[in-house]
Amino acid sequence: MNDTLMSIQIIPKTANGEDVIPYVDEAIKVIDDAGLTYRVGPLETTVQGEMNECLILIQKLNDRMVELEIPSIISQVKFYHVPEGITIETLTGKYDEL
């Protein structure tokens, strides 16, 4: 059961000040490959899943940035945990039709 919404923003520090968007795109690919429901926003991505899946995903995101030789990474993370279950649409569905 999906019991957690996690919003994550990956802020990679590139070695030579190059554009971070290709690295953010790589992070979104990792999220997509995880098979969890997600929604990309302009400043962060929200993922829906179980708490343990979300925590593992954070590690995978940081591992990917290290593989890409990013010298440092800031991960800003927020959790909304509801043991009875939660979906992205629970919080934003009324806005999806606008």
C-alpha atoms as a PDB file:
ATOM      1  CA  MET A   1       0.000   0.000   0.000  1.00  0.00           C
ATOM      2  CA  ASN A   2       1.218   3.496  -0.804  1.00  0.00           C
ATOM      3  CA  ASP A   3       1.594   5.121   2.595  1.00  0.00           C
ATOM      4  CA  THR A   4       4.029   7.910   1.803  1.00  0.00           C
ATOM      5  CA  LEU A   5       4.365  10.916  -0.452  1.00  0.00           C
ATOM      6  CA  MET A   6       7.939  12.100  -0.803  1.00  0.00           C
ATOM      7  CA  SER A   7       8.969  15.297  -2.511  1.00  0.00           C
ATOM      8  CA  ILE A   8      12.604  15.436  -3.492  1.00  0.00           C
ATOM      9  CA  GLN A   9      14.761  18.096  -5.054  1.00  0.00           C
ATOM     10  CA  ILE A  10      18.267  17.088  -6.164  1.00  0.00           C
ATOM     11  CA  ILE A  11      20.683  20.007  -6.408  1.00  0.00           C
ATOM     12  CA  PRO A  12      23.967  18.805  -7.918  1.00  0.00           C
ATOM     13  CA  LYS A  13      27.056  20.985  -7.732  1.00  0.00           C
ATOM     14  CA  THR A  14      28.819  20.549 -11.047  1.00  0.00           C
ATOM     15  CA  ALA A  15      32.598  20.587 -11.248  1.00  0.00           C
ATOM     16  CA  ASN A  16      32.886  23.463 -13.716  1.00  0.00           C
ATOM     17  CA  GLY A  17      29.598  25.276 -13.169  1.00  0.00           C
ATOM     18  CA  GLU A  18      27.907  23.578 -16.108  1.00  0.00           C
ATOM     19  CA  ASP A  19      24.118  23.394 -16.448  1.00  0.00           C
ATOM     20  CA  VAL A  20      22.515  21.097 -13.857  1.00  0.00           C
ATOM     21  CA  ILE A  21      19.428  20.232 -15.922  1.00  0.00           C
ATOM     22  CA  PRO A  22      21.005  17.159 -17.609  1.00  0.00           C
ATOM     23  CA  TYR A  23      21.784  15.817 -14.120  1.00  0.00           C
ATOM     24  CA  VAL A  24      18.272  16.546 -12.900  1.00  0.00           C
ATOM     25  CA  ASP A  25      17.019  14.663 -15.968  1.00  0.00           C
ATOM     26  CA  GLU A  26      19.192  11.716 -14.894  1.00  0.00           C
ATOM     27  CA  ALA A  27      17.652  11.871 -11.414  1.00  0.00           C
ATOM     28  CA  ILE A  28      14.162  11.784 -12.931  1.00  0.00           C
ATOM     29  CA  LYS A  29      15.198   8.745 -14.985  1.00  0.00           C
ATOM     30  CA  VAL A  30      16.226   6.981 -11.755  1.00  0.00           C
ATOM     31  CA  ILE A  31      12.813   7.824 -10.298  1.00  0.00           C
ATOM     32  CA  ASP A  32      11.088   6.529 -13.435  1.00  0.00           C
ATOM     33  CA  ASP A  33      13.141   3.318 -13.370  1.00  0.00           C
ATOM     34  CA  ALA A  34      12.039   2.720  -9.757  1.00  0.00           C
ATOM     35  CA  GLY A  35       8.532   2.025 -11.044  1.00  0.00           C
ATOM     36  CA  LEU A  36       6.815   4.280  -8.512  1.00  0.00           C
ATOM     37  CA  THR A  37       4.098   6.784  -9.336  1.00  0.00           C
ATOM     38  CA  TYR A  38       5.566  10.278  -9.518  1.00  0.00           C
ATOM     39  CA  ARG A  39       4.842  13.791 -10.668  1.00  0.00           C
ATOM     40  CA  VAL A  40       7.530  16.205 -11.836  1.00  0.00           C
ATOM     41  CA  GLY A  41       7.045  19.776 -10.672  1.00  0.00           C
ATOM     42  CA  PRO A  42       9.018  22.884 -11.550  1.00  0.00           C
ATOM     43  CA  LEU A  43      11.134  22.761  -8.373  1.00  0.00           C
ATOM     44  CA  GLU A  44      10.793  19.205  -7.061  1.00  0.00           C
ATOM     45  CA  THR A  45       9.400  15.802  -7.895  1.00  0.00           C
ATOM     46  CA  THR A  46       6.775  14.062  -5.777  1.00  0.00           C
ATOM     47  CA  VAL A  47       6.907  10.286  -5.485  1.00  0.00           C
ATOM     48  CA  GLN A  48       4.178   8.001  -4.136  1.00  0.00           C
ATOM     49  CA  GLY A  49       5.083   4.691  -2.508  1.00  0.00           C
ATOM     50  CA  GLU A  50       5.921   2.905   0.686  1.00  0.00           C
ATOM     51  CA  MET A  51       8.282   4.661   3.109  1.00  0.00           C
ATOM     52  CA  ASN A  52      11.041   2.076   2.648  1.00  0.00           C
ATOM     53  CA  GLU A  53      10.814   2.407  -1.164  1.00  0.00           C
ATOM     54  CA  CYS A  54      11.179   6.169  -0.863  1.00  0.00           C
ATOM     55  CA  LEU A  55      14.209   5.892   1.404  1.00  0.00           C
ATOM     56  CA  ILE A  56      15.887   3.420  -0.952  1.00  0.00           C
ATOM     57  CA  LEU A  57      15.148   5.773  -3.848  1.00  0.00           C
ATOM     58  CA  ILE A  58      17.006   8.619  -2.129  1.00  0.00           C
ATOM     59  CA  GLN A  59      20.084   6.392  -1.919  1.00  0.00           C
ATOM     60  CA  LYS A  60      19.764   5.410  -5.594  1.00  0.00           C
ATOM     61  CA  LEU A  61      19.489   9.068  -6.620  1.00  0.00           C
ATOM     62  CA  ASN A  62      22.621  10.003  -4.717  1.00  0.00           C
ATOM     63  CA  ASP A  63      24.475   6.931  -6.019  1.00  0.00           C
ATOM     64  CA  ARG A  64      23.649   7.980  -9.587  1.00  0.00           C
ATOM     65  CA  MET A  65      24.989  11.482  -9.014  1.00  0.00           C
ATOM     66  CA  VAL A  66      28.220   9.970  -7.658  1.00  0.00           C
ATOM     67  CA  GLU A  67      28.444   7.734 -10.756  1.00  0.00           C
ATOM     68  CA  LEU A  68      28.173  10.910 -12.852  1.00  0.00           C
ATOM     69  CA  GLU A  69      31.105  12.346 -10.861  1.00  0.00           C
ATOM     70  CA  ILE A  70      29.153  15.178  -9.264  1.00  0.00           C
ATOM     71  CA  PRO A  71      31.427  16.581  -6.516  1.00  0.00           C
ATOM     72  CA  SER A  72      28.553  17.272  -4.098  1.00  0.00           C
ATOM     73  CA  ILE A  73      24.798  16.857  -3.955  1.00  0.00           C
ATOM     74  CA  ILE A  74      22.121  18.533  -1.866  1.00  0.00           C
ATOM     75  CA  SER A  75      18.951  16.466  -1.508  1.00  0.00           C
ATOM     76  CA  GLN A  76      15.987  18.351  -0.088  1.00  0.00           C
ATOM     77  CA  VAL A  77      13.367  15.838   0.982  1.00  0.00           C
ATOM     78  CA  LYS A  78       9.867  16.099   2.484  1.00  0.00           C
ATOM     79  CA  PHE A  79       7.705  13.187   3.603  1.00  0.00           C
ATOM     80  CA  TYR A  80       3.986  12.940   4.198  1.00  0.00           C
ATOM     81  CA  HIS A  81       3.297   9.566   5.806  1.00  0.00           C
ATOM     82  CA  VAL A  82      -0.248   8.235   6.217  1.00  0.00           C
ATOM     83  CA  PRO A  83      -0.337   4.606   7.452  1.00  0.00           C
ATOM     84  CA  GLU A  84      -3.860   4.121   6.043  1.00  0.00           C
ATOM     85  CA  GLY A  85      -2.657   5.129   2.565  1.00  0.00           C
ATOM     86  CA  ILE A  86      -2.138   8.277   0.515  1.00  0.00           C
ATOM     87  CA  THR A  87      -1.902   9.220  -3.171  1.00  0.00           C
ATOM     88  CA  ILE A  88      -0.731  12.309  -4.992  1.00  0.00           C
ATOM     89  CA  GLU A  89      -4.280  12.823  -6.238  1.00  0.00           C
ATOM     90  CA  THR A  90      -5.559  12.908  -2.652  1.00  0.00           C
ATOM     91  CA  LEU A  91      -3.810  16.241  -2.237  1.00  0.00           C
ATOM     92  CA  THR A  92      -3.824  17.678  -5.744  1.00  0.00           C
ATOM     93  CA  GLY A  93      -6.671  15.986  -7.654  1.00  0.00           C
ATOM     94  CA  LYS A  94      -8.966  18.987  -7.387  1.00  0.00           C
ATOM     95  CA  TYR A  95      -6.356  21.069  -9.231  1.00  0.00           C
ATOM     96  CA  ASP A  96      -5.697  18.537 -11.996  1.00  0.00           C
ATOM     97  CA  GLU A  97      -8.886  19.491 -13.821  1.00  0.00           C
ATOM     98  CA  LEU A  98      -8.015  23.188 -14.047  1.00  0.00           C
END
